[in-house]
Each structure stands twice: as structure tokens, then as C-alpha cells.
Amino acid sequence: MFGAIAGDIIGSPYEFTVNNIKTTEFPLFTQKSIFTDDTVMTVAVAVGIMKGFGNIEKTKENIIQAMHLYGHMFPNVGYGQKFYLWLCNKDRKPYNSYGNGSAMRVSPVAWAYNDLATVEDYAKLSAEITHNHSEGIKGACATASAIYMARTGASQTEIKQYITLRYEYNLERSLAEIRPQYTHVESCQESVPQAIIAFLESNNFEDAIRKAVSLGGDSDTIAAITGSIAEAFYGGVPEDIMQQCLLRLDKRLIQAITDFNHWLKRN
């Protein structure tokens, strides 16, 4: 899941239309490179999976608890308004969101389970805790499917074909076609396909992140989604990028990431 975190941190200075950068030529890390809600909620999903593994209802309950725990631990990292209210009110009911938050936090699911159908089931579960709109669920499931296929040896062409047929996303457009008019939008249907296309056009992990950020739009989240797939496809996050990200992470998040990686090796 570290690919999502790296994408979040690298994309963070370029979020919102006023900060968007429409080129792949930019410094990967600056003083403004920080982790946001994308990282915090990705970690929360990982923690919930570890605690509830083996029981779908227990997993759901533990993801909800972890989201509230880490949300209150890190309250000022850029949550959307509806999600922030969900956290503050300690609500446990979904609010029919189709925002891209369901997709940016789903990557741990694709690493925790070892068949595609189960990955899709748990991606749906992780989404519908808050994002129970059909598009919110679709975005999470498409992202998790792409990650799982990438980590189990599928080619970019095979991933593209599956996501196109299963989730009916238009992945035929090029980044060059999308980039000029693309602006900040936070819906799954208008950011998940773009993030997947950035991965499909990439040659390595860094290239994928640069291409994702170059689209503009909700840069940190698009890069988080792209990065989560690229990590799986290219065999990890490059060491130099990982070290720069670790310097910017809170030690509590690092501990949870470490725990999840150790847990994966045992399961």
C-alpha cells in the first residue's frame, strides 16, 4: 500500500486547480510535500483488515473503528466535508458518497486477499462504510482489481481489458487528450479512470506518479490511486522515494505500515 502513500505525498503540493501543474517535470518532493487524508485512511483500512481478518462483519467493524481512531488522531489532513462530519459525529452510517475517497484508501485490500473475487468483495465492503453510492463502490472495486491483477502478474493490456469490461470505464483516452481541460474533481467516475490511464501509460513507478500529477485535478488522490497500482506492477516503491516519504510520515503511521507488512508475510 506504500505506493498510494507515496502518490499522496508527492501529489499533495499540486492539489486544487490553483496549484495544478500540467507537466511531468516537477520536483518530486518539496517543503510542501505532506501526507493527507489519503494516507491516513489507507492506514486505517489496513489496520481494520488486520484486526478483523477472516470474518467479513468483524472486518467491517474494525475498519470503521480504525477510521474513527486515525481520523481523530490526525484531524487536520484535508478530509472532505461529509467525511469530516462522519468522523466528528462518530457516525457509523454511510452517506451515499461517490467521491474518490473510496478508491484512494482501498489498496490494503488488494494485498490482504489472494483471489480476485474476494478482493472485490472486500473492496466493496471498505467502500460502502461511507461511500455506498454505486459509483463510490465501483471506483474502489476497479482500483483494487487493478492492484491485485498487477501484483499477480497481469500485463497492462490485461488489466485494461478487465477493468474496461467489468467496470465499463473508458480507458481509451490518452493523457494528452485528458490533460488540457482536466480540472479539480473528486468523484470516482471522473478521477479513477484517469488515474488508471496514468498507470497504463507509465514505464516505471516514478513515471506513473509524474504522469498522474501532470493531469492536474485532485492531484494527491489521483497519484495515490495510480501509485497503488504502479507499486504492485513494478515490484515496489523505489528506495529513494520511500525514504523521502518516511521522513514526512508520523511515527504512528510508520508503525502501522510496518505492522501491516509483517502481517502480510505471515498470512
C-alpha atoms as a PDB file:
ATOM      1  CA  MET A   1       0.000   0.000   0.000  1.00  0.00           C
ATOM      2  CA  PHE A   2       3.029   2.288   0.176  1.00  0.00           C
ATOM      3  CA  GLY A   3       2.526   3.260  -3.450  1.00  0.00           C
ATOM      4  CA  ALA A   4      -0.681   5.025  -2.503  1.00  0.00           C
ATOM      5  CA  ILE A   5       1.094   6.859   0.311  1.00  0.00           C
ATOM      6  CA  ALA A   6       3.952   7.925  -1.960  1.00  0.00           C
ATOM      7  CA  GLY A   7       1.483   9.201  -4.548  1.00  0.00           C
ATOM      8  CA  ASP A   8      -0.406  11.128  -1.905  1.00  0.00           C
ATOM      9  CA  ILE A   9       2.711  12.843  -0.563  1.00  0.00           C
ATOM     10  CA  ILE A  10       4.171  13.623  -3.988  1.00  0.00           C
ATOM     11  CA  GLY A  11       0.860  14.924  -5.307  1.00  0.00           C
ATOM     12  CA  SER A  12      -0.045  16.995  -2.247  1.00  0.00           C
ATOM     13  CA  PRO A  13       1.591  20.327  -3.258  1.00  0.00           C
ATOM     14  CA  TYR A  14      -0.261  20.278  -6.574  1.00  0.00           C
ATOM     15  CA  GLU A  15      -3.803  19.639  -5.334  1.00  0.00           C
ATOM     16  CA  PHE A  16      -6.615  22.009  -6.372  1.00  0.00           C
ATOM     17  CA  THR A  17      -6.805  23.858  -9.662  1.00  0.00           C
ATOM     18  CA  VAL A  18      -4.788  26.845  -8.433  1.00  0.00           C
ATOM     19  CA  ASN A  19      -1.840  24.528  -7.682  1.00  0.00           C
ATOM     20  CA  ASN A  20      -2.194  22.120 -10.593  1.00  0.00           C
ATOM     21  CA  ILE A  21       0.848  21.527 -12.737  1.00  0.00           C
ATOM     22  CA  LYS A  22       0.308  20.277 -16.279  1.00  0.00           C
ATOM     23  CA  THR A  23       3.726  18.761 -16.839  1.00  0.00           C
ATOM     24  CA  THR A  24       5.715  15.745 -15.728  1.00  0.00           C
ATOM     25  CA  GLU A  25       8.689  17.988 -14.976  1.00  0.00           C
ATOM     26  CA  PHE A  26       8.405  18.990 -11.320  1.00  0.00           C
ATOM     27  CA  PRO A  27      10.315  18.294  -8.097  1.00  0.00           C
ATOM     28  CA  LEU A  28       9.081  15.056  -6.549  1.00  0.00           C
ATOM     29  CA  PHE A  29       9.478  16.453  -3.035  1.00  0.00           C
ATOM     30  CA  THR A  30       9.329  19.987  -1.675  1.00  0.00           C
ATOM     31  CA  GLN A  31       8.722  21.581   1.713  1.00  0.00           C
ATOM     32  CA  LYS A  32       5.015  21.422   0.865  1.00  0.00           C
ATOM     33  CA  SER A  33       5.032  17.654   0.338  1.00  0.00           C
ATOM     34  CA  ILE A  34       2.914  16.208   3.162  1.00  0.00           C
ATOM     35  CA  PHE A  35       0.705  13.219   3.849  1.00  0.00           C
ATOM     36  CA  THR A  36      -3.025  13.872   3.712  1.00  0.00           C
ATOM     37  CA  ASP A  37      -6.285  12.081   4.475  1.00  0.00           C
ATOM     38  CA  ASP A  38      -5.478   9.644   1.656  1.00  0.00           C
ATOM     39  CA  THR A  39      -2.558   8.237   3.650  1.00  0.00           C
ATOM     40  CA  VAL A  40      -4.352   8.258   6.991  1.00  0.00           C
ATOM     41  CA  MET A  41      -7.392   6.392   5.712  1.00  0.00           C
ATOM     42  CA  THR A  42      -5.284   3.908   3.750  1.00  0.00           C
ATOM     43  CA  VAL A  43      -3.533   3.057   7.016  1.00  0.00           C
ATOM     44  CA  ALA A  44      -6.889   2.820   8.797  1.00  0.00           C
ATOM     45  CA  VAL A  45      -8.174   0.287   6.263  1.00  0.00           C
ATOM     46  CA  ALA A  46      -5.004  -1.767   6.714  1.00  0.00           C
ATOM     47  CA  VAL A  47      -5.389  -1.762  10.492  1.00  0.00           C
ATOM     48  CA  GLY A  48      -9.050  -2.754  10.252  1.00  0.00           C
ATOM     49  CA  ILE A  49      -8.237  -5.636   7.923  1.00  0.00           C
ATOM     50  CA  MET A  50      -5.573  -6.987  10.265  1.00  0.00           C
ATOM     51  CA  LYS A  51      -7.880  -6.906  13.264  1.00  0.00           C
ATOM     52  CA  GLY A  52     -10.897  -8.387  11.520  1.00  0.00           C
ATOM     53  CA  PHE A  53      -9.281 -10.791   9.088  1.00  0.00           C
ATOM     54  CA  GLY A  54     -11.249 -13.969   8.456  1.00  0.00           C
ATOM     55  CA  ASN A  55     -14.671 -12.556   9.309  1.00  0.00           C
ATOM     56  CA  ILE A  56     -16.369 -10.093   6.978  1.00  0.00           C
ATOM     57  CA  GLU A  57     -18.578  -8.445   9.604  1.00  0.00           C
ATOM     58  CA  LYS A  58     -15.731  -8.209  12.091  1.00  0.00           C
ATOM     59  CA  THR A  59     -13.543  -6.685   9.375  1.00  0.00           C
ATOM     60  CA  LYS A  60     -16.175  -4.066   8.618  1.00  0.00           C
ATOM     61  CA  GLU A  61     -16.500  -3.152  12.287  1.00  0.00           C
ATOM     62  CA  ASN A  62     -12.744  -2.910  12.724  1.00  0.00           C
ATOM     63  CA  ILE A  63     -12.290  -0.740   9.622  1.00  0.00           C
ATOM     64  CA  ILE A  64     -14.951   1.639  10.957  1.00  0.00           C
ATOM     65  CA  GLN A  65     -13.234   1.739  14.359  1.00  0.00           C
ATOM     66  CA  ALA A  66      -9.820   2.306  12.770  1.00  0.00           C
ATOM     67  CA  MET A  67     -11.143   5.106  10.568  1.00  0.00           C
ATOM     68  CA  HIS A  68     -12.514   6.886  13.605  1.00  0.00           C
ATOM     69  CA  LEU A  69      -9.360   6.231  15.634  1.00  0.00           C
ATOM     70  CA  TYR A  70      -6.933   7.508  12.993  1.00  0.00           C
ATOM     71  CA  GLY A  71      -9.304  10.237  11.894  1.00  0.00           C
ATOM     72  CA  HIS A  72      -9.274  11.696  15.394  1.00  0.00           C
ATOM     73  CA  MET A  73      -5.539  11.056  15.715  1.00  0.00           C
ATOM     74  CA  PHE A  74      -4.986  13.150  12.572  1.00  0.00           C
ATOM     75  CA  PRO A  75      -7.942  15.564  12.363  1.00  0.00           C
ATOM     76  CA  ASN A  76      -6.485  18.239  10.085  1.00  0.00           C
ATOM     77  CA  VAL A  77      -5.265  16.445   6.991  1.00  0.00           C
ATOM     78  CA  GLY A  78      -7.818  17.557   4.408  1.00  0.00           C
ATOM     79  CA  TYR A  79     -10.895  15.393   4.824  1.00  0.00           C
ATOM     80  CA  GLY A  80     -13.907  16.100   2.654  1.00  0.00           C
ATOM     81  CA  GLN A  81     -16.741  17.896   4.440  1.00  0.00           C
ATOM     82  CA  LYS A  82     -19.119  14.931   4.614  1.00  0.00           C
ATOM     83  CA  PHE A  83     -16.404  12.548   5.753  1.00  0.00           C
ATOM     84  CA  TYR A  84     -15.256  15.036   8.387  1.00  0.00           C
ATOM     85  CA  LEU A  85     -18.799  15.224   9.764  1.00  0.00           C
ATOM     86  CA  TRP A  86     -18.931  11.420   9.756  1.00  0.00           C
ATOM     87  CA  LEU A  87     -15.763  11.400  11.862  1.00  0.00           C
ATOM     88  CA  CYS A  88     -16.758  14.208  14.217  1.00  0.00           C
ATOM     89  CA  ASN A  89     -20.194  12.771  14.917  1.00  0.00           C
ATOM     90  CA  LYS A  90     -18.719   9.285  15.339  1.00  0.00           C
ATOM     91  CA  ASP A  91     -21.323   8.193  12.823  1.00  0.00           C
ATOM     92  CA  ARG A  92     -21.414   4.603  11.607  1.00  0.00           C
ATOM     93  CA  LYS A  93     -23.839   5.101   8.735  1.00  0.00           C
ATOM     94  CA  PRO A  94     -22.791   5.601   5.100  1.00  0.00           C
ATOM     95  CA  TYR A  95     -23.757   8.824   3.373  1.00  0.00           C
ATOM     96  CA  ASN A  96     -24.094   7.734  -0.271  1.00  0.00           C
ATOM     97  CA  SER A  97     -20.860   9.327  -1.454  1.00  0.00           C
ATOM     98  CA  TYR A  98     -19.419   8.715  -4.911  1.00  0.00           C
ATOM     99  CA  GLY A  99     -16.224  10.585  -4.061  1.00  0.00           C
ATOM    100  CA  ASN A 100     -12.802   9.170  -4.840  1.00  0.00           C
ATOM    101  CA  GLY A 101     -12.027   8.593  -1.160  1.00  0.00           C
ATOM    102  CA  SER A 102     -13.226   5.018  -1.531  1.00  0.00           C
ATOM    103  CA  ALA A 103     -10.601   4.340  -4.210  1.00  0.00           C
ATOM    104  CA  MET A 104      -7.652   6.120  -2.620  1.00  0.00           C
ATOM    105  CA  ARG A 105      -7.888   4.083   0.606  1.00  0.00           C
ATOM    106  CA  VAL A 106      -8.581   0.619  -0.834  1.00  0.00           C
ATOM    107  CA  SER A 107      -5.074  -0.637  -1.649  1.00  0.00           C
ATOM    108  CA  PRO A 108      -4.544  -2.748   1.516  1.00  0.00           C
ATOM    109  CA  VAL A 109      -7.495  -4.910   0.442  1.00  0.00           C
ATOM    110  CA  ALA A 110      -5.713  -5.949  -2.744  1.00  0.00           C
ATOM    111  CA  TRP A 111      -2.699  -7.166  -0.776  1.00  0.00           C
ATOM    112  CA  ALA A 112      -4.555  -8.912   2.051  1.00  0.00           C
ATOM    113  CA  TYR A 113      -6.632 -11.361  -0.005  1.00  0.00           C
ATOM    114  CA  ASN A 114      -5.463 -13.879  -2.542  1.00  0.00           C
ATOM    115  CA  ASP A 115      -8.188 -14.217  -5.140  1.00  0.00           C
ATOM    116  CA  LEU A 116      -9.845 -11.579  -7.285  1.00  0.00           C
ATOM    117  CA  ALA A 117     -13.423 -12.289  -6.219  1.00  0.00           C
ATOM    118  CA  THR A 118     -12.547 -11.899  -2.539  1.00  0.00           C
ATOM    119  CA  VAL A 119     -10.598  -8.711  -3.253  1.00  0.00           C
ATOM    120  CA  GLU A 120     -13.649  -7.266  -4.992  1.00  0.00           C
ATOM    121  CA  ASP A 121     -15.936  -8.305  -2.121  1.00  0.00           C
ATOM    122  CA  TYR A 122     -13.756  -6.619   0.485  1.00  0.00           C
ATOM    123  CA  ALA A 123     -13.163  -3.573  -1.702  1.00  0.00           C
ATOM    124  CA  LYS A 124     -16.940  -3.164  -1.807  1.00  0.00           C
ATOM    125  CA  LEU A 125     -17.098  -3.555   1.978  1.00  0.00           C
ATOM    126  CA  SER A 126     -14.353  -0.980   2.550  1.00  0.00           C
ATOM    127  CA  ALA A 127     -16.111   1.498   0.273  1.00  0.00           C
ATOM    128  CA  GLU A 128     -19.698   1.165   1.440  1.00  0.00           C
ATOM    129  CA  ILE A 129     -18.811   2.045   5.025  1.00  0.00           C
ATOM    130  CA  THR A 130     -19.132   5.630   3.824  1.00  0.00           C
ATOM    131  CA  HIS A 131     -19.235   5.594   0.002  1.00  0.00           C
ATOM    132  CA  ASN A 132     -22.258   3.364  -0.632  1.00  0.00           C
ATOM    133  CA  HIS A 133     -23.228   5.075  -3.887  1.00  0.00           C
ATOM    134  CA  SER A 134     -22.793   2.677  -6.816  1.00  0.00           C
ATOM    135  CA  GLU A 135     -20.028   4.857  -8.302  1.00  0.00           C
ATOM    136  CA  GLY A 136     -18.165   5.008  -4.992  1.00  0.00           C
ATOM    137  CA  ILE A 137     -18.227   1.219  -4.763  1.00  0.00           C
ATOM    138  CA  LYS A 138     -17.291   0.837  -8.425  1.00  0.00           C
ATOM    139  CA  GLY A 139     -14.259   3.099  -8.054  1.00  0.00           C
ATOM    140  CA  ALA A 140     -12.922   1.142  -5.091  1.00  0.00           C
ATOM    141  CA  CYS A 141     -13.519  -2.237  -6.714  1.00  0.00           C
ATOM    142  CA  ALA A 142     -11.926  -1.207 -10.011  1.00  0.00           C
ATOM    143  CA  THR A 143      -8.849   0.135  -8.213  1.00  0.00           C
ATOM    144  CA  ALA A 144      -8.469  -2.941  -6.002  1.00  0.00           C
ATOM    145  CA  SER A 145      -8.908  -5.245  -9.007  1.00  0.00           C
ATOM    146  CA  ALA A 146      -6.193  -3.431 -10.924  1.00  0.00           C
ATOM    147  CA  ILE A 147      -3.813  -3.645  -7.951  1.00  0.00           C
ATOM    148  CA  TYR A 148      -4.493  -7.346  -7.419  1.00  0.00           C
ATOM    149  CA  MET A 149      -4.032  -8.150 -11.090  1.00  0.00           C
ATOM    150  CA  ALA A 150      -0.828  -6.095 -11.187  1.00  0.00           C
ATOM    151  CA  ARG A 151       0.673  -7.876  -8.200  1.00  0.00           C
ATOM    152  CA  THR A 152      -0.198 -11.305  -9.569  1.00  0.00           C
ATOM    153  CA  GLY A 153       1.480 -10.860 -12.937  1.00  0.00           C
ATOM    154  CA  ALA A 154      -1.153  -9.461 -15.278  1.00  0.00           C
ATOM    155  CA  SER A 155       0.042  -7.227 -18.095  1.00  0.00           C
ATOM    156  CA  GLN A 156      -1.073  -3.644 -18.564  1.00  0.00           C
ATOM    157  CA  THR A 157      -3.167  -4.798 -21.528  1.00  0.00           C
ATOM    158  CA  GLU A 158      -4.866  -7.492 -19.440  1.00  0.00           C
ATOM    159  CA  ILE A 159      -5.596  -5.031 -16.652  1.00  0.00           C
ATOM    160  CA  LYS A 160      -7.033  -2.548 -19.130  1.00  0.00           C
ATOM    161  CA  GLN A 161      -9.248  -5.175 -20.722  1.00  0.00           C
ATOM    162  CA  TYR A 162     -10.597  -6.437 -17.405  1.00  0.00           C
ATOM    163  CA  ILE A 163     -11.357  -3.003 -15.977  1.00  0.00           C
ATOM    164  CA  THR A 164     -12.994  -1.919 -19.235  1.00  0.00           C
ATOM    165  CA  LEU A 165     -15.238  -4.988 -19.445  1.00  0.00           C
ATOM    166  CA  ARG A 166     -16.011  -5.396 -15.758  1.00  0.00           C
ATOM    167  CA  TYR A 167     -16.391  -1.758 -14.718  1.00  0.00           C
ATOM    168  CA  GLU A 168     -17.152  -0.081 -18.044  1.00  0.00           C
ATOM    169  CA  TYR A 169     -14.611   2.687 -17.596  1.00  0.00           C
ATOM    170  CA  ASN A 170     -13.430   4.377 -20.771  1.00  0.00           C
ATOM    171  CA  LEU A 171      -9.684   3.760 -20.779  1.00  0.00           C
ATOM    172  CA  GLU A 172      -9.175   4.574 -24.455  1.00  0.00           C
ATOM    173  CA  ARG A 173      -8.392   8.259 -23.981  1.00  0.00           C
ATOM    174  CA  SER A 174      -4.776   9.330 -23.712  1.00  0.00           C
ATOM    175  CA  LEU A 175      -3.328  11.578 -21.033  1.00  0.00           C
ATOM    176  CA  ALA A 176      -2.566  14.100 -23.773  1.00  0.00           C
ATOM    177  CA  GLU A 177      -6.269  14.232 -24.590  1.00  0.00           C
ATOM    178  CA  ILE A 178      -7.408  14.454 -20.968  1.00  0.00           C
ATOM    179  CA  ARG A 179      -4.835  16.896 -19.572  1.00  0.00           C
ATOM    180  CA  PRO A 180      -5.718  20.268 -21.203  1.00  0.00           C
ATOM    181  CA  GLN A 181      -9.306  20.527 -19.932  1.00  0.00           C
ATOM    182  CA  TYR A 182      -8.995  18.440 -16.775  1.00  0.00           C
ATOM    183  CA  THR A 183      -9.654  20.296 -13.519  1.00  0.00           C
ATOM    184  CA  HIS A 184     -10.172  19.500  -9.856  1.00  0.00           C
ATOM    185  CA  VAL A 185     -12.983  16.988  -9.408  1.00  0.00           C
ATOM    186  CA  GLU A 186     -13.404  14.486  -6.594  1.00  0.00           C
ATOM    187  CA  SER A 187     -15.871  11.927  -7.964  1.00  0.00           C
ATOM    188  CA  CYS A 188     -14.774   8.362  -8.624  1.00  0.00           C
ATOM    189  CA  GLN A 189     -16.189   8.400 -12.131  1.00  0.00           C
ATOM    190  CA  GLU A 190     -14.110  11.450 -13.060  1.00  0.00           C
ATOM    191  CA  SER A 191     -10.832  10.529 -11.373  1.00  0.00           C
ATOM    192  CA  VAL A 192     -10.429   6.751 -11.130  1.00  0.00           C
ATOM    193  CA  PRO A 193     -10.319   6.145 -14.917  1.00  0.00           C
ATOM    194  CA  GLN A 194      -7.828   8.989 -15.305  1.00  0.00           C
ATOM    195  CA  ALA A 195      -5.624   7.522 -12.576  1.00  0.00           C
ATOM    196  CA  ILE A 196      -5.717   4.088 -14.205  1.00  0.00           C
ATOM    197  CA  ILE A 197      -4.819   5.584 -17.593  1.00  0.00           C
ATOM    198  CA  ALA A 198      -1.794   7.270 -15.988  1.00  0.00           C
ATOM    199  CA  PHE A 199      -0.645   3.837 -14.831  1.00  0.00           C
ATOM    200  CA  LEU A 200      -1.349   2.266 -18.222  1.00  0.00           C
ATOM    201  CA  GLU A 201       0.834   4.847 -19.989  1.00  0.00           C
ATOM    202  CA  SER A 202       3.694   4.529 -17.491  1.00  0.00           C
ATOM    203  CA  ASN A 203       7.086   2.852 -17.824  1.00  0.00           C
ATOM    204  CA  ASN A 204       8.087   2.701 -14.153  1.00  0.00           C
ATOM    205  CA  PHE A 205       6.842   3.790 -10.734  1.00  0.00           C
ATOM    206  CA  GLU A 206       8.185   7.338 -10.825  1.00  0.00           C
ATOM    207  CA  ASP A 207       6.929   7.821 -14.367  1.00  0.00           C
ATOM    208  CA  ALA A 208       3.447   6.723 -13.271  1.00  0.00           C
ATOM    209  CA  ILE A 209       3.357   9.239 -10.418  1.00  0.00           C
ATOM    210  CA  ARG A 210       4.650  12.055 -12.595  1.00  0.00           C
ATOM    211  CA  LYS A 211       2.033  11.343 -15.229  1.00  0.00           C
ATOM    212  CA  ALA A 212      -0.746  11.199 -12.641  1.00  0.00           C
ATOM    213  CA  VAL A 213       0.234  14.547 -11.124  1.00  0.00           C
ATOM    214  CA  SER A 214       0.601  16.106 -14.577  1.00  0.00           C
ATOM    215  CA  LEU A 215      -3.121  15.687 -15.208  1.00  0.00           C
ATOM    216  CA  GLY A 216      -3.953  18.299 -12.602  1.00  0.00           C
ATOM    217  CA  GLY A 217      -7.230  17.825 -10.811  1.00  0.00           C
ATOM    218  CA  ASP A 218      -7.267  16.189  -7.374  1.00  0.00           C
ATOM    219  CA  SER A 219      -3.558  15.521  -7.733  1.00  0.00           C
ATOM    220  CA  ASP A 220      -2.766  13.792  -4.451  1.00  0.00           C
ATOM    221  CA  THR A 221      -5.660  11.350  -4.753  1.00  0.00           C
ATOM    222  CA  ILE A 222      -5.118  10.623  -8.439  1.00  0.00           C
ATOM    223  CA  ALA A 223      -1.437   9.971  -7.719  1.00  0.00           C
ATOM    224  CA  ALA A 224      -2.370   7.794  -4.731  1.00  0.00           C
ATOM    225  CA  ILE A 225      -4.614   5.623  -6.915  1.00  0.00           C
ATOM    226  CA  THR A 226      -2.046   5.451  -9.721  1.00  0.00           C
ATOM    227  CA  GLY A 227       0.747   4.790  -7.232  1.00  0.00           C
ATOM    228  CA  SER A 228      -1.137   1.940  -5.586  1.00  0.00           C
ATOM    229  CA  ILE A 229      -1.371   0.113  -8.927  1.00  0.00           C
ATOM    230  CA  ALA A 230       2.161   1.028 -10.043  1.00  0.00           C
ATOM    231  CA  GLU A 231       3.691  -0.285  -6.810  1.00  0.00           C
ATOM    232  CA  ALA A 232       2.104  -3.679  -7.433  1.00  0.00           C
ATOM    233  CA  PHE A 233       3.033  -3.766 -11.122  1.00  0.00           C
ATOM    234  CA  TYR A 234       6.633  -2.548 -10.859  1.00  0.00           C
ATOM    235  CA  GLY A 235       7.551  -4.559  -7.783  1.00  0.00           C
ATOM    236  CA  GLY A 236       7.503  -1.887  -5.109  1.00  0.00           C
ATOM    237  CA  VAL A 237       8.316   1.750  -4.469  1.00  0.00           C
ATOM    238  CA  PRO A 238      11.894   2.826  -5.292  1.00  0.00           C
ATOM    239  CA  GLU A 239      14.044   3.112  -2.188  1.00  0.00           C
ATOM    240  CA  ASP A 240      14.887   6.791  -2.633  1.00  0.00           C
ATOM    241  CA  ILE A 241      11.215   7.715  -2.937  1.00  0.00           C
ATOM    242  CA  MET A 242      10.300   5.533   0.021  1.00  0.00           C
ATOM    243  CA  GLN A 243      12.912   7.163   2.241  1.00  0.00           C
ATOM    244  CA  GLN A 244      11.736  10.665   1.359  1.00  0.00           C
ATOM    245  CA  CYS A 245       8.166   9.657   2.209  1.00  0.00           C
ATOM    246  CA  LEU A 246       9.183   8.107   5.528  1.00  0.00           C
ATOM    247  CA  LEU A 247      10.793  11.407   6.526  1.00  0.00           C
ATOM    248  CA  ARG A 248       7.374  13.042   6.124  1.00  0.00           C
ATOM    249  CA  LEU A 249       5.276  10.452   7.949  1.00  0.00           C
ATOM    250  CA  ASP A 250       4.231  10.441  11.586  1.00  0.00           C
ATOM    251  CA  LYS A 251       5.836   7.597  13.552  1.00  0.00           C
ATOM    252  CA  ARG A 252       2.382   6.199  14.430  1.00  0.00           C
ATOM    253  CA  LEU A 253       1.620   5.783  10.742  1.00  0.00           C
ATOM    254  CA  ILE A 254       5.024   4.218  10.101  1.00  0.00           C
ATOM    255  CA  GLN A 255       4.401   1.710  12.881  1.00  0.00           C
ATOM    256  CA  ALA A 256       1.026   0.728  11.443  1.00  0.00           C
ATOM    257  CA  ILE A 257       2.535   0.342   7.955  1.00  0.00           C
ATOM    258  CA  THR A 258       5.333  -1.809   9.388  1.00  0.00           C
ATOM    259  CA  ASP A 259       2.831  -3.938  11.287  1.00  0.00           C
ATOM    260  CA  PHE A 260       0.760  -4.483   8.148  1.00  0.00           C
ATOM    261  CA  ASN A 261       3.784  -5.508   6.092  1.00  0.00           C
ATOM    262  CA  HIS A 262       4.836  -8.011   8.762  1.00  0.00           C
ATOM    263  CA  TRP A 263       1.262  -9.284   8.969  1.00  0.00           C
ATOM    264  CA  LEU A 264       1.142  -9.826   5.197  1.00  0.00           C
ATOM    265  CA  LYS A 265       4.234 -12.008   5.372  1.00  0.00           C
ATOM    266  CA  ARG A 266       2.566 -14.219   7.979  1.00  0.00           C
ATOM    267  CA  ASN A 267      -0.761 -14.600   6.193  1.00  0.00           C
END
